Amino acid sequence: MRGEVVLVGGLWMPTVALALLGARLARLGYAVRPFAYRGRAAPEANAERLARFVREAYANRPVHFVGHSLGGVLIFDTLSRHRDIAAARIVLLGSPVRGCRAGRRLGGAALGRWMLGASRARWESCEARWPRPEPLGVVAGTLPFGLGRALGELPAPNDGVVCLDETAVEGMAGRVLVHQGHSVLAVSGRVARLVAGFLDAGRFA
């Protein structure tokens, strides 16, 4: 076994959405386990649930983390707050850790506020600094194809939902850009290879 991996999907995305990525990592020898959460719940509550899940499932064994969109934000927040959790390497896919313009626009309407629920506050603009020694890698899309564009134009480059500047983390080990849309990042074979390479080496080739 090459390592254990916790997979965390995005807002409104069931764990099956990352099944293909999980299967690809499993074929490479990783033991993969998805984490399910309610995207509309308060970010702090989800972070506590993820922390509890990791402690119960892995005790003090270092584990890799891979998250798409809000799932990556959840990983970032959880590991930033719970420094005692043993982590190995972390990869965020299209994760707006600095806030999300499209999310803020969606939250400006009554239906959008209902759709986002308590997660709405996490889409406000903020700074993002990685406070841990473990390597954090970021994969960001640059093909503007996603539901976020239906809410209005987004500053380029973006993946149709998340803007490139929203994925930057101070202290990250590396960031790689792929010409793909937001949802495709979760199922892309190229992205899966990038993830596996980072989990292996702690850097992007």
N, C-alpha and C. Protein backbone atom coordinates (compact mmCIF):
# COMPACT_ATOMS: atom_id res chain seq x y z
N MET A 1 0.85 -1.21 0.00
CA MET A 1 0.00 0.00 0.00
C MET A 1 0.87 1.25 0.00
N ARG A 2 0.55 2.20 -0.87
CA ARG A 2 1.36 3.41 -0.99
C ARG A 2 0.94 4.49 0.00
N GLY A 3 -0.20 4.34 0.63
CA GLY A 3 -0.65 5.33 1.59
C GLY A 3 -2.16 5.33 1.68
N GLU A 4 -2.68 6.03 2.68
CA GLU A 4 -4.12 6.15 2.88
C GLU A 4 -4.57 7.56 2.50
N VAL A 5 -5.72 7.64 1.85
CA VAL A 5 -6.20 8.91 1.31
C VAL A 5 -7.64 9.14 1.74
N VAL A 6 -7.91 10.34 2.26
CA VAL A 6 -9.28 10.77 2.52
C VAL A 6 -9.70 11.69 1.37
N LEU A 7 -10.81 11.34 0.71
CA LEU A 7 -11.35 12.14 -0.39
C LEU A 7 -12.57 12.92 0.10
N VAL A 8 -12.61 14.22 -0.24
CA VAL A 8 -13.72 15.07 0.19
C VAL A 8 -14.26 15.82 -1.03
N GLY A 9 -15.52 15.60 -1.36
CA GLY A 9 -16.14 16.23 -2.52
C GLY A 9 -16.62 17.65 -2.24
N GLY A 10 -17.17 18.26 -3.29
CA GLY A 10 -17.57 19.65 -3.20
C GLY A 10 -19.02 19.85 -2.76
N LEU A 11 -19.44 21.10 -2.75
CA LEU A 11 -20.80 21.48 -2.37
C LEU A 11 -21.80 20.82 -3.31
N TRP A 12 -22.86 20.23 -2.75
CA TRP A 12 -23.92 19.55 -3.49
C TRP A 12 -23.44 18.30 -4.22
N MET A 13 -22.20 17.89 -4.01
CA MET A 13 -21.67 16.73 -4.72
C MET A 13 -21.64 15.51 -3.79
N PRO A 14 -22.32 14.43 -4.14
CA PRO A 14 -22.23 13.22 -3.32
C PRO A 14 -20.84 12.61 -3.44
N THR A 15 -20.54 11.71 -2.52
CA THR A 15 -19.21 11.10 -2.53
C THR A 15 -18.94 10.35 -3.82
N VAL A 16 -20.01 9.91 -4.50
CA VAL A 16 -19.82 9.17 -5.75
C VAL A 16 -19.17 10.05 -6.82
N ALA A 17 -19.25 11.38 -6.67
CA ALA A 17 -18.67 12.28 -7.67
C ALA A 17 -17.16 12.14 -7.75
N LEU A 18 -16.53 11.69 -6.67
CA LEU A 18 -15.08 11.48 -6.67
C LEU A 18 -14.72 10.00 -6.78
N ALA A 19 -15.71 9.18 -7.14
CA ALA A 19 -15.47 7.74 -7.23
C ALA A 19 -14.42 7.40 -8.28
N LEU A 20 -14.45 8.09 -9.41
CA LEU A 20 -13.49 7.80 -10.47
C LEU A 20 -12.07 8.14 -10.03
N LEU A 21 -11.90 9.30 -9.40
CA LEU A 21 -10.60 9.67 -8.87
C LEU A 21 -10.15 8.65 -7.82
N GLY A 22 -11.06 8.25 -6.96
CA GLY A 22 -10.73 7.26 -5.94
C GLY A 22 -10.31 5.93 -6.54
N ALA A 23 -11.02 5.51 -7.60
CA ALA A 23 -10.68 4.25 -8.26
C ALA A 23 -9.30 4.32 -8.91
N ARG A 24 -8.98 5.46 -9.49
CA ARG A 24 -7.66 5.62 -10.12
C ARG A 24 -6.55 5.56 -9.08
N LEU A 25 -6.77 6.21 -7.95
CA LEU A 25 -5.76 6.17 -6.89
C LEU A 25 -5.65 4.77 -6.30
N ALA A 26 -6.78 4.08 -6.19
CA ALA A 26 -6.76 2.72 -5.65
C ALA A 26 -5.97 1.79 -6.55
N ARG A 27 -6.10 1.96 -7.87
CA ARG A 27 -5.34 1.13 -8.80
C ARG A 27 -3.84 1.36 -8.66
N LEU A 28 -3.47 2.53 -8.18
CA LEU A 28 -2.05 2.84 -7.98
C LEU A 28 -1.55 2.36 -6.62
N GLY A 29 -2.43 1.78 -5.82
CA GLY A 29 -2.00 1.22 -4.55
C GLY A 29 -2.38 2.01 -3.32
N TYR A 30 -3.20 3.06 -3.48
CA TYR A 30 -3.64 3.84 -2.33
C TYR A 30 -4.93 3.24 -1.74
N ALA A 31 -5.03 3.30 -0.43
CA ALA A 31 -6.26 2.91 0.26
C ALA A 31 -7.11 4.17 0.43
N VAL A 32 -8.22 4.23 -0.27
CA VAL A 32 -9.01 5.46 -0.38
C VAL A 32 -10.30 5.34 0.43
N ARG A 33 -10.62 6.41 1.13
CA ARG A 33 -11.87 6.44 1.91
C ARG A 33 -12.52 7.81 1.75
N PRO A 34 -13.78 7.85 1.29
CA PRO A 34 -14.46 9.15 1.13
C PRO A 34 -15.02 9.64 2.46
N PHE A 35 -15.13 10.96 2.56
CA PHE A 35 -15.77 11.58 3.71
C PHE A 35 -16.99 12.34 3.20
N ALA A 36 -18.16 12.03 3.74
CA ALA A 36 -19.40 12.69 3.35
C ALA A 36 -19.78 13.75 4.39
N TYR A 37 -20.33 14.84 3.92
CA TYR A 37 -20.76 15.92 4.82
C TYR A 37 -21.90 16.68 4.17
N ARG A 38 -22.56 17.51 4.93
CA ARG A 38 -23.65 18.33 4.41
C ARG A 38 -23.10 19.70 4.03
N GLY A 39 -23.09 19.99 2.73
CA GLY A 39 -22.50 21.23 2.25
C GLY A 39 -23.18 22.47 2.78
N ARG A 40 -24.46 22.39 3.12
CA ARG A 40 -25.20 23.54 3.61
C ARG A 40 -25.00 23.76 5.11
N ALA A 41 -24.32 22.85 5.77
CA ALA A 41 -24.09 22.99 7.20
C ALA A 41 -23.01 24.05 7.46
N ALA A 42 -22.90 24.48 8.70
CA ALA A 42 -21.90 25.47 9.06
C ALA A 42 -20.50 24.92 8.84
N PRO A 43 -19.60 25.70 8.24
CA PRO A 43 -18.23 25.22 7.99
C PRO A 43 -17.54 24.71 9.25
N GLU A 44 -17.75 25.39 10.38
CA GLU A 44 -17.11 24.97 11.63
C GLU A 44 -17.59 23.59 12.06
N ALA A 45 -18.89 23.33 11.87
CA ALA A 45 -19.43 22.02 12.24
C ALA A 45 -18.86 20.93 11.35
N ASN A 46 -18.75 21.21 10.05
CA ASN A 46 -18.18 20.22 9.14
C ASN A 46 -16.70 19.96 9.45
N ALA A 47 -15.98 21.01 9.83
CA ALA A 47 -14.57 20.83 10.18
C ALA A 47 -14.43 19.93 11.41
N GLU A 48 -15.31 20.11 12.38
CA GLU A 48 -15.27 19.25 13.58
C GLU A 48 -15.61 17.81 13.22
N ARG A 49 -16.56 17.63 12.30
CA ARG A 49 -16.94 16.27 11.89
C ARG A 49 -15.79 15.60 11.15
N LEU A 50 -15.11 16.33 10.27
CA LEU A 50 -13.97 15.75 9.55
C LEU A 50 -12.84 15.39 10.51
N ALA A 51 -12.56 16.28 11.46
CA ALA A 51 -11.51 16.00 12.44
C ALA A 51 -11.84 14.74 13.24
N ARG A 52 -13.09 14.60 13.65
CA ARG A 52 -13.50 13.43 14.42
C ARG A 52 -13.42 12.16 13.56
N PHE A 53 -13.82 12.26 12.32
CA PHE A 53 -13.75 11.14 11.38
C PHE A 53 -12.32 10.65 11.22
N VAL A 54 -11.38 11.57 11.03
CA VAL A 54 -9.98 11.19 10.81
C VAL A 54 -9.39 10.56 12.07
N ARG A 55 -9.68 11.15 13.22
CA ARG A 55 -9.13 10.61 14.47
C ARG A 55 -9.64 9.19 14.73
N GLU A 56 -10.93 8.98 14.45
CA GLU A 56 -11.51 7.67 14.72
C GLU A 56 -11.06 6.63 13.70
N ALA A 57 -10.90 7.04 12.44
CA ALA A 57 -10.57 6.07 11.38
C ALA A 57 -9.08 5.76 11.30
N TYR A 58 -8.24 6.74 11.66
CA TYR A 58 -6.81 6.57 11.43
C TYR A 58 -5.95 6.74 12.68
N ALA A 59 -6.58 7.07 13.80
CA ALA A 59 -5.82 7.30 15.04
C ALA A 59 -4.71 8.32 14.76
N ASN A 60 -3.46 7.96 14.98
CA ASN A 60 -2.36 8.90 14.75
C ASN A 60 -1.56 8.60 13.49
N ARG A 61 -2.13 7.77 12.58
CA ARG A 61 -1.42 7.47 11.33
C ARG A 61 -1.52 8.65 10.38
N PRO A 62 -0.42 9.08 9.79
CA PRO A 62 -0.48 10.16 8.79
C PRO A 62 -1.29 9.71 7.58
N VAL A 63 -2.18 10.57 7.13
CA VAL A 63 -3.05 10.25 6.00
C VAL A 63 -3.00 11.40 5.00
N HIS A 64 -3.11 11.05 3.71
CA HIS A 64 -3.20 12.06 2.66
C HIS A 64 -4.64 12.59 2.59
N PHE A 65 -4.78 13.83 2.11
CA PHE A 65 -6.09 14.44 1.92
C PHE A 65 -6.19 15.00 0.50
N VAL A 66 -7.30 14.72 -0.16
CA VAL A 66 -7.57 15.29 -1.48
C VAL A 66 -9.01 15.80 -1.48
N GLY A 67 -9.20 17.09 -1.82
CA GLY A 67 -10.54 17.65 -1.81
C GLY A 67 -10.82 18.49 -3.04
N HIS A 68 -12.05 18.42 -3.52
CA HIS A 68 -12.48 19.20 -4.67
C HIS A 68 -13.40 20.33 -4.21
N SER A 69 -13.14 21.55 -4.68
CA SER A 69 -13.99 22.71 -4.43
C SER A 69 -14.18 22.93 -2.93
N LEU A 70 -15.42 22.96 -2.44
CA LEU A 70 -15.65 23.19 -1.02
C LEU A 70 -15.01 22.09 -0.17
N GLY A 71 -14.88 20.88 -0.74
CA GLY A 71 -14.22 19.81 0.00
C GLY A 71 -12.77 20.15 0.32
N GLY A 72 -12.09 20.80 -0.64
CA GLY A 72 -10.72 21.24 -0.39
C GLY A 72 -10.66 22.34 0.65
N VAL A 73 -11.63 23.24 0.60
CA VAL A 73 -11.70 24.30 1.61
C VAL A 73 -11.90 23.69 3.00
N LEU A 74 -12.76 22.69 3.07
CA LEU A 74 -13.01 22.01 4.34
C LEU A 74 -11.74 21.35 4.87
N ILE A 75 -10.99 20.71 4.00
CA ILE A 75 -9.72 20.10 4.41
C ILE A 75 -8.76 21.17 4.92
N PHE A 76 -8.63 22.25 4.16
CA PHE A 76 -7.74 23.34 4.54
C PHE A 76 -8.11 23.89 5.92
N ASP A 77 -9.39 24.16 6.13
CA ASP A 77 -9.83 24.72 7.41
C ASP A 77 -9.62 23.74 8.56
N THR A 78 -9.94 22.47 8.32
CA THR A 78 -9.82 21.46 9.38
C THR A 78 -8.38 21.28 9.82
N LEU A 79 -7.47 21.12 8.85
CA LEU A 79 -6.07 20.89 9.20
C LEU A 79 -5.41 22.15 9.76
N SER A 80 -5.91 23.32 9.37
CA SER A 80 -5.38 24.56 9.93
C SER A 80 -5.76 24.71 11.39
N ARG A 81 -6.97 24.28 11.74
CA ARG A 81 -7.45 24.43 13.11
C ARG A 81 -6.99 23.29 14.02
N HIS A 82 -6.86 22.11 13.45
CA HIS A 82 -6.53 20.93 14.26
C HIS A 82 -5.12 20.47 13.89
N ARG A 83 -4.14 21.13 14.47
CA ARG A 83 -2.74 20.85 14.12
C ARG A 83 -2.30 19.47 14.63
N ASP A 84 -3.08 18.89 15.54
CA ASP A 84 -2.71 17.59 16.09
C ASP A 84 -3.00 16.44 15.14
N ILE A 85 -3.83 16.67 14.13
CA ILE A 85 -4.17 15.60 13.18
C ILE A 85 -2.93 15.27 12.35
N ALA A 86 -2.60 13.99 12.30
CA ALA A 86 -1.43 13.55 11.53
C ALA A 86 -1.77 13.55 10.05
N ALA A 87 -1.11 14.39 9.30
CA ALA A 87 -1.34 14.49 7.86
C ALA A 87 -0.06 14.16 7.11
N ALA A 88 -0.22 13.71 5.87
CA ALA A 88 0.93 13.41 5.03
C ALA A 88 1.05 14.49 3.95
N ARG A 89 0.33 14.33 2.84
CA ARG A 89 0.33 15.34 1.79
C ARG A 89 -1.10 15.69 1.42
N ILE A 90 -1.29 16.92 0.98
CA ILE A 90 -2.63 17.44 0.78
C ILE A 90 -2.72 18.07 -0.61
N VAL A 91 -3.81 17.76 -1.34
CA VAL A 91 -4.04 18.35 -2.65
C VAL A 91 -5.44 18.93 -2.70
N LEU A 92 -5.55 20.19 -3.12
CA LEU A 92 -6.82 20.87 -3.28
C LEU A 92 -7.10 21.06 -4.77
N LEU A 93 -8.30 20.72 -5.20
CA LEU A 93 -8.69 20.80 -6.61
C LEU A 93 -9.76 21.88 -6.79
N GLY A 94 -9.39 22.98 -7.42
CA GLY A 94 -10.36 24.05 -7.67
C GLY A 94 -11.02 24.55 -6.40
N SER A 95 -10.25 24.69 -5.34
CA SER A 95 -10.81 25.05 -4.03
C SER A 95 -10.62 26.54 -3.74
N PRO A 96 -11.71 27.30 -3.58
CA PRO A 96 -11.61 28.74 -3.34
C PRO A 96 -11.34 29.07 -1.88
N VAL A 97 -10.14 28.78 -1.44
CA VAL A 97 -9.80 29.00 -0.03
C VAL A 97 -9.80 30.48 0.34
N ARG A 98 -9.69 31.36 -0.64
CA ARG A 98 -9.71 32.81 -0.37
C ARG A 98 -11.10 33.42 -0.54
N GLY A 99 -12.12 32.58 -0.63
CA GLY A 99 -13.46 33.08 -0.88
C GLY A 99 -13.83 32.88 -2.33
N CYS A 100 -15.10 33.10 -2.65
CA CYS A 100 -15.59 32.79 -3.99
C CYS A 100 -16.57 33.85 -4.47
N ARG A 101 -16.21 34.56 -5.54
CA ARG A 101 -17.09 35.59 -6.09
C ARG A 101 -18.43 35.00 -6.53
N ALA A 102 -18.36 33.87 -7.22
CA ALA A 102 -19.60 33.25 -7.69
C ALA A 102 -20.50 32.87 -6.52
N GLY A 103 -19.90 32.37 -5.44
CA GLY A 103 -20.68 32.03 -4.26
C GLY A 103 -21.32 33.25 -3.63
N ARG A 104 -20.57 34.35 -3.59
CA ARG A 104 -21.14 35.57 -3.01
C ARG A 104 -22.30 36.08 -3.86
N ARG A 105 -22.17 35.99 -5.17
CA ARG A 105 -23.26 36.41 -6.05
C ARG A 105 -24.49 35.53 -5.85
N LEU A 106 -24.27 34.23 -5.78
CA LEU A 106 -25.39 33.31 -5.56
C LEU A 106 -26.07 33.60 -4.25
N GLY A 107 -25.30 33.92 -3.23
CA GLY A 107 -25.87 34.20 -1.92
C GLY A 107 -26.61 35.51 -1.84
N GLY A 108 -26.56 36.31 -2.89
CA GLY A 108 -27.28 37.57 -2.90
C GLY A 108 -28.75 37.43 -3.19
N ALA A 109 -29.19 36.25 -3.64
CA ALA A 109 -30.60 36.00 -3.93
C ALA A 109 -31.18 35.04 -2.90
N ALA A 110 -32.50 35.11 -2.72
CA ALA A 110 -33.14 34.28 -1.70
C ALA A 110 -32.92 32.79 -1.97
N LEU A 111 -33.10 32.36 -3.21
CA LEU A 111 -32.89 30.95 -3.54
C LEU A 111 -31.44 30.56 -3.31
N GLY A 112 -30.52 31.44 -3.67
CA GLY A 112 -29.10 31.16 -3.46
C GLY A 112 -28.76 31.03 -1.99
N ARG A 113 -29.35 31.87 -1.16
CA ARG A 113 -29.09 31.78 0.28
C ARG A 113 -29.56 30.44 0.82
N TRP A 114 -30.69 29.96 0.31
CA TRP A 114 -31.18 28.65 0.73
C TRP A 114 -30.24 27.55 0.24
N MET A 115 -29.79 27.64 -1.01
CA MET A 115 -28.92 26.62 -1.58
C MET A 115 -27.58 26.52 -0.85
N LEU A 116 -27.05 27.67 -0.44
CA LEU A 116 -25.75 27.69 0.24
C LEU A 116 -25.87 27.36 1.73
N GLY A 117 -27.00 27.70 2.32
CA GLY A 117 -27.18 27.45 3.74
C GLY A 117 -26.14 28.16 4.57
N ALA A 118 -25.68 27.51 5.61
CA ALA A 118 -24.71 28.11 6.52
C ALA A 118 -23.31 28.20 5.93
N SER A 119 -23.07 27.54 4.78
CA SER A 119 -21.75 27.63 4.15
C SER A 119 -21.52 28.99 3.50
N ARG A 120 -22.57 29.79 3.40
CA ARG A 120 -22.47 31.08 2.70
C ARG A 120 -21.35 31.96 3.25
N ALA A 121 -21.17 31.95 4.55
CA ALA A 121 -20.16 32.83 5.16
C ALA A 121 -18.75 32.49 4.67
N ARG A 122 -18.51 31.24 4.29
CA ARG A 122 -17.15 30.84 3.90
C ARG A 122 -16.77 31.39 2.53
N TRP A 123 -17.72 31.92 1.78
CA TRP A 123 -17.41 32.44 0.45
C TRP A 123 -16.98 33.90 0.48
N GLU A 124 -16.96 34.51 1.65
CA GLU A 124 -16.46 35.88 1.75
C GLU A 124 -14.95 35.90 1.50
N SER A 125 -14.48 37.01 0.96
CA SER A 125 -13.06 37.14 0.64
C SER A 125 -12.21 37.10 1.91
N CYS A 126 -11.10 36.36 1.86
CA CYS A 126 -10.24 36.23 3.03
C CYS A 126 -8.83 35.86 2.59
N GLU A 127 -7.91 35.92 3.51
CA GLU A 127 -6.54 35.48 3.24
C GLU A 127 -6.44 33.98 3.50
N ALA A 128 -5.43 33.37 2.91
CA ALA A 128 -5.22 31.94 3.12
C ALA A 128 -3.73 31.67 3.26
N ARG A 129 -3.33 31.22 4.43
CA ARG A 129 -1.92 30.90 4.68
C ARG A 129 -1.85 29.49 5.26
N TRP A 130 -1.00 28.65 4.68
CA TRP A 130 -0.86 27.27 5.15
C TRP A 130 0.06 27.26 6.37
N PRO A 131 -0.45 26.86 7.53
CA PRO A 131 0.34 26.97 8.77
C PRO A 131 1.08 25.70 9.16
N ARG A 132 1.07 24.69 8.29
CA ARG A 132 1.64 23.41 8.66
C ARG A 132 2.86 23.07 7.81
N PRO A 133 3.72 22.14 8.26
CA PRO A 133 4.91 21.78 7.49
C PRO A 133 4.63 20.80 6.36
N GLU A 134 3.51 20.08 6.42
CA GLU A 134 3.22 19.11 5.38
C GLU A 134 2.96 19.81 4.05
N PRO A 135 3.42 19.22 2.92
CA PRO A 135 3.27 19.88 1.63
C PRO A 135 1.82 19.94 1.16
N LEU A 136 1.42 21.12 0.72
CA LEU A 136 0.08 21.36 0.20
C LEU A 136 0.19 21.72 -1.28
N GLY A 137 -0.50 20.98 -2.12
CA GLY A 137 -0.50 21.25 -3.55
C GLY A 137 -1.87 21.71 -4.02
N VAL A 138 -1.90 22.57 -5.03
CA VAL A 138 -3.15 23.13 -5.55
C VAL A 138 -3.22 22.87 -7.05
N VAL A 139 -4.35 22.35 -7.50
CA VAL A 139 -4.64 22.22 -8.93
C VAL A 139 -5.80 23.16 -9.23
N ALA A 140 -5.60 24.03 -10.22
CA ALA A 140 -6.61 25.03 -10.55
C ALA A 140 -6.95 24.97 -12.03
N GLY A 141 -8.22 25.11 -12.35
CA GLY A 141 -8.67 25.08 -13.74
C GLY A 141 -8.67 26.47 -14.36
N THR A 142 -8.48 26.50 -15.69
CA THR A 142 -8.47 27.78 -16.40
C THR A 142 -9.45 27.80 -17.58
N LEU A 143 -10.28 26.76 -17.70
CA LEU A 143 -11.30 26.74 -18.76
C LEU A 143 -12.60 27.28 -18.17
N PRO A 144 -13.06 28.45 -18.60
CA PRO A 144 -14.24 29.08 -17.99
C PRO A 144 -15.54 28.40 -18.37
N PHE A 145 -15.73 27.19 -17.85
CA PHE A 145 -16.92 26.41 -18.15
C PHE A 145 -17.49 25.87 -16.85
N GLY A 146 -18.57 26.50 -16.39
CA GLY A 146 -19.17 26.07 -15.14
C GLY A 146 -20.38 26.92 -14.81
N LEU A 147 -21.14 26.49 -13.81
CA LEU A 147 -22.39 27.17 -13.47
C LEU A 147 -22.19 28.58 -12.93
N GLY A 148 -21.00 28.85 -12.44
CA GLY A 148 -20.75 30.18 -11.90
C GLY A 148 -20.89 31.28 -12.92
N ARG A 149 -20.65 30.96 -14.18
CA ARG A 149 -20.74 31.97 -15.23
C ARG A 149 -22.17 32.43 -15.45
N ALA A 150 -23.14 31.59 -15.07
CA ALA A 150 -24.55 31.98 -15.21
C ALA A 150 -24.90 33.14 -14.28
N LEU A 151 -24.05 33.39 -13.30
CA LEU A 151 -24.29 34.47 -12.35
C LEU A 151 -23.61 35.77 -12.76
N GLY A 152 -22.92 35.75 -13.91
CA GLY A 152 -22.23 36.94 -14.39
C GLY A 152 -20.78 36.62 -14.72
N GLU A 153 -20.14 37.53 -15.42
CA GLU A 153 -18.76 37.33 -15.81
C GLU A 153 -17.84 37.26 -14.59
N LEU A 154 -16.84 36.41 -14.69
CA LEU A 154 -15.84 36.28 -13.64
C LEU A 154 -14.50 36.75 -14.16
N PRO A 155 -13.66 37.33 -13.31
CA PRO A 155 -12.33 37.75 -13.76
C PRO A 155 -11.53 36.54 -14.27
N ALA A 156 -10.88 36.72 -15.37
CA ALA A 156 -10.05 35.65 -15.93
C ALA A 156 -8.66 35.68 -15.28
N PRO A 157 -8.03 34.49 -15.19
CA PRO A 157 -8.56 33.17 -15.56
C PRO A 157 -9.45 32.60 -14.46
N ASN A 158 -10.37 31.72 -14.89
CA ASN A 158 -11.25 31.03 -13.95
C ASN A 158 -11.67 29.71 -14.58
N ASP A 159 -12.29 28.85 -13.76
CA ASP A 159 -12.72 27.54 -14.25
C ASP A 159 -14.22 27.47 -14.45
N GLY A 160 -14.86 28.64 -14.53
CA GLY A 160 -16.30 28.71 -14.68
C GLY A 160 -17.04 28.85 -13.37
N VAL A 161 -16.35 28.62 -12.27
CA VAL A 161 -16.93 28.79 -10.93
C VAL A 161 -15.95 29.51 -10.02
N VAL A 162 -14.70 29.06 -10.02
CA VAL A 162 -13.68 29.58 -9.12
C VAL A 162 -12.61 30.32 -9.92
N CYS A 163 -12.24 31.50 -9.46
CA CYS A 163 -11.19 32.28 -10.12
C CYS A 163 -9.82 31.82 -9.63
N LEU A 164 -8.84 31.97 -10.50
CA LEU A 164 -7.49 31.48 -10.18
C LEU A 164 -6.96 32.11 -8.90
N ASP A 165 -7.18 33.42 -8.72
CA ASP A 165 -6.63 34.08 -7.54
C ASP A 165 -7.27 33.57 -6.25
N GLU A 166 -8.45 32.96 -6.34
CA GLU A 166 -9.13 32.44 -5.16
C GLU A 166 -8.54 31.11 -4.67
N THR A 167 -7.69 30.49 -5.49
CA THR A 167 -7.11 29.20 -5.12
C THR A 167 -5.71 29.33 -4.51
N ALA A 168 -5.15 30.54 -4.50
CA ALA A 168 -3.76 30.72 -4.04
C ALA A 168 -3.67 30.61 -2.52
N VAL A 169 -2.68 29.86 -2.07
CA VAL A 169 -2.45 29.69 -0.64
C VAL A 169 -1.01 30.08 -0.34
N GLU A 170 -0.83 31.03 0.54
CA GLU A 170 0.51 31.40 0.96
C GLU A 170 1.15 30.21 1.68
N GLY A 171 2.31 29.79 1.21
CA GLY A 171 2.99 28.66 1.82
C GLY A 171 2.72 27.34 1.14
N MET A 172 1.94 27.34 0.05
CA MET A 172 1.70 26.07 -0.66
C MET A 172 3.00 25.60 -1.31
N ALA A 173 3.13 24.27 -1.44
CA ALA A 173 4.33 23.69 -2.04
C ALA A 173 4.35 23.87 -3.54
N GLY A 174 3.19 24.01 -4.16
CA GLY A 174 3.14 24.19 -5.60
C GLY A 174 1.72 24.30 -6.09
N ARG A 175 1.57 24.92 -7.25
CA ARG A 175 0.26 25.00 -7.90
C ARG A 175 0.44 24.74 -9.38
N VAL A 176 -0.45 23.94 -9.94
CA VAL A 176 -0.40 23.64 -11.36
C VAL A 176 -1.74 24.02 -11.98
N LEU A 177 -1.70 24.60 -13.18
CA LEU A 177 -2.90 25.03 -13.88
C LEU A 177 -3.22 24.05 -14.99
N VAL A 178 -4.49 23.69 -15.11
CA VAL A 178 -4.94 22.79 -16.18
C VAL A 178 -6.10 23.47 -16.91
N HIS A 179 -6.14 23.30 -18.22
CA HIS A 179 -7.18 23.95 -19.02
C HIS A 179 -8.44 23.10 -18.99
N GLN A 180 -9.10 23.11 -17.83
CA GLN A 180 -10.31 22.32 -17.63
C GLN A 180 -11.29 23.11 -16.78
N GLY A 181 -12.58 22.76 -16.90
CA GLY A 181 -13.60 23.42 -16.12
C GLY A 181 -13.70 22.87 -14.71
N HIS A 182 -14.47 23.56 -13.90
CA HIS A 182 -14.51 23.27 -12.46
C HIS A 182 -14.91 21.83 -12.16
N SER A 183 -16.03 21.37 -12.69
CA SER A 183 -16.50 20.02 -12.36
C SER A 183 -15.61 18.94 -12.95
N VAL A 184 -15.00 19.23 -14.09
CA VAL A 184 -14.16 18.24 -14.76
C VAL A 184 -12.91 17.92 -13.94
N LEU A 185 -12.48 18.86 -13.12
CA LEU A 185 -11.31 18.61 -12.27
C LEU A 185 -11.49 17.35 -11.43
N ALA A 186 -12.72 17.04 -11.05
CA ALA A 186 -12.98 15.90 -10.17
C ALA A 186 -12.89 14.56 -10.90
N VAL A 187 -12.98 14.57 -12.25
CA VAL A 187 -13.04 13.31 -13.00
C VAL A 187 -11.92 13.19 -14.03
N SER A 188 -11.09 14.18 -14.14
CA SER A 188 -10.04 14.22 -15.15
C SER A 188 -8.93 13.21 -14.87
N GLY A 189 -8.55 12.47 -15.92
CA GLY A 189 -7.43 11.56 -15.80
C GLY A 189 -6.12 12.29 -15.58
N ARG A 190 -5.95 13.42 -16.24
CA ARG A 190 -4.72 14.20 -16.05
C ARG A 190 -4.61 14.69 -14.61
N VAL A 191 -5.72 15.18 -14.08
CA VAL A 191 -5.70 15.65 -12.69
C VAL A 191 -5.39 14.50 -11.74
N ALA A 192 -5.94 13.32 -12.01
CA ALA A 192 -5.66 12.17 -11.16
C ALA A 192 -4.16 11.85 -11.16
N ARG A 193 -3.53 11.96 -12.31
CA ARG A 193 -2.09 11.70 -12.38
C ARG A 193 -1.30 12.76 -11.61
N LEU A 194 -1.75 14.00 -11.70
CA LEU A 194 -1.10 15.07 -10.94
C LEU A 194 -1.23 14.83 -9.44
N VAL A 195 -2.42 14.42 -9.02
CA VAL A 195 -2.65 14.14 -7.61
C VAL A 195 -1.74 13.02 -7.13
N ALA A 196 -1.71 11.92 -7.89
CA ALA A 196 -0.88 10.78 -7.49
C ALA A 196 0.59 11.17 -7.42
N GLY A 197 1.04 11.97 -8.38
CA GLY A 197 2.43 12.40 -8.36
C GLY A 197 2.76 13.24 -7.15
N PHE A 198 1.82 14.10 -6.77
CA PHE A 198 2.06 14.95 -5.61
C PHE A 198 2.04 14.12 -4.32
N LEU A 199 1.11 13.18 -4.23
CA LEU A 199 1.07 12.33 -3.04
C LEU A 199 2.35 11.52 -2.91
N ASP A 200 2.92 11.14 -4.03
CA ASP A 200 4.18 10.38 -4.01
C ASP A 200 5.37 11.23 -3.58
N ALA A 201 5.49 12.43 -4.19
CA ALA A 201 6.72 13.20 -4.06
C ALA A 201 6.59 14.47 -3.25
N GLY A 202 5.38 14.92 -2.95
CA GLY A 202 5.22 16.18 -2.25
C GLY A 202 5.44 17.40 -3.12
N ARG A 203 5.42 17.19 -4.43
CA ARG A 203 5.57 18.28 -5.40
C ARG A 203 4.99 17.83 -6.72
N PHE A 204 4.70 18.80 -7.58
CA PHE A 204 4.22 18.49 -8.92
C PHE A 204 5.43 18.35 -9.85
N ALA A 205 5.39 17.33 -10.71
CA ALA A 205 6.48 17.11 -11.65
C ALA A 205 6.51 18.26 -12.66
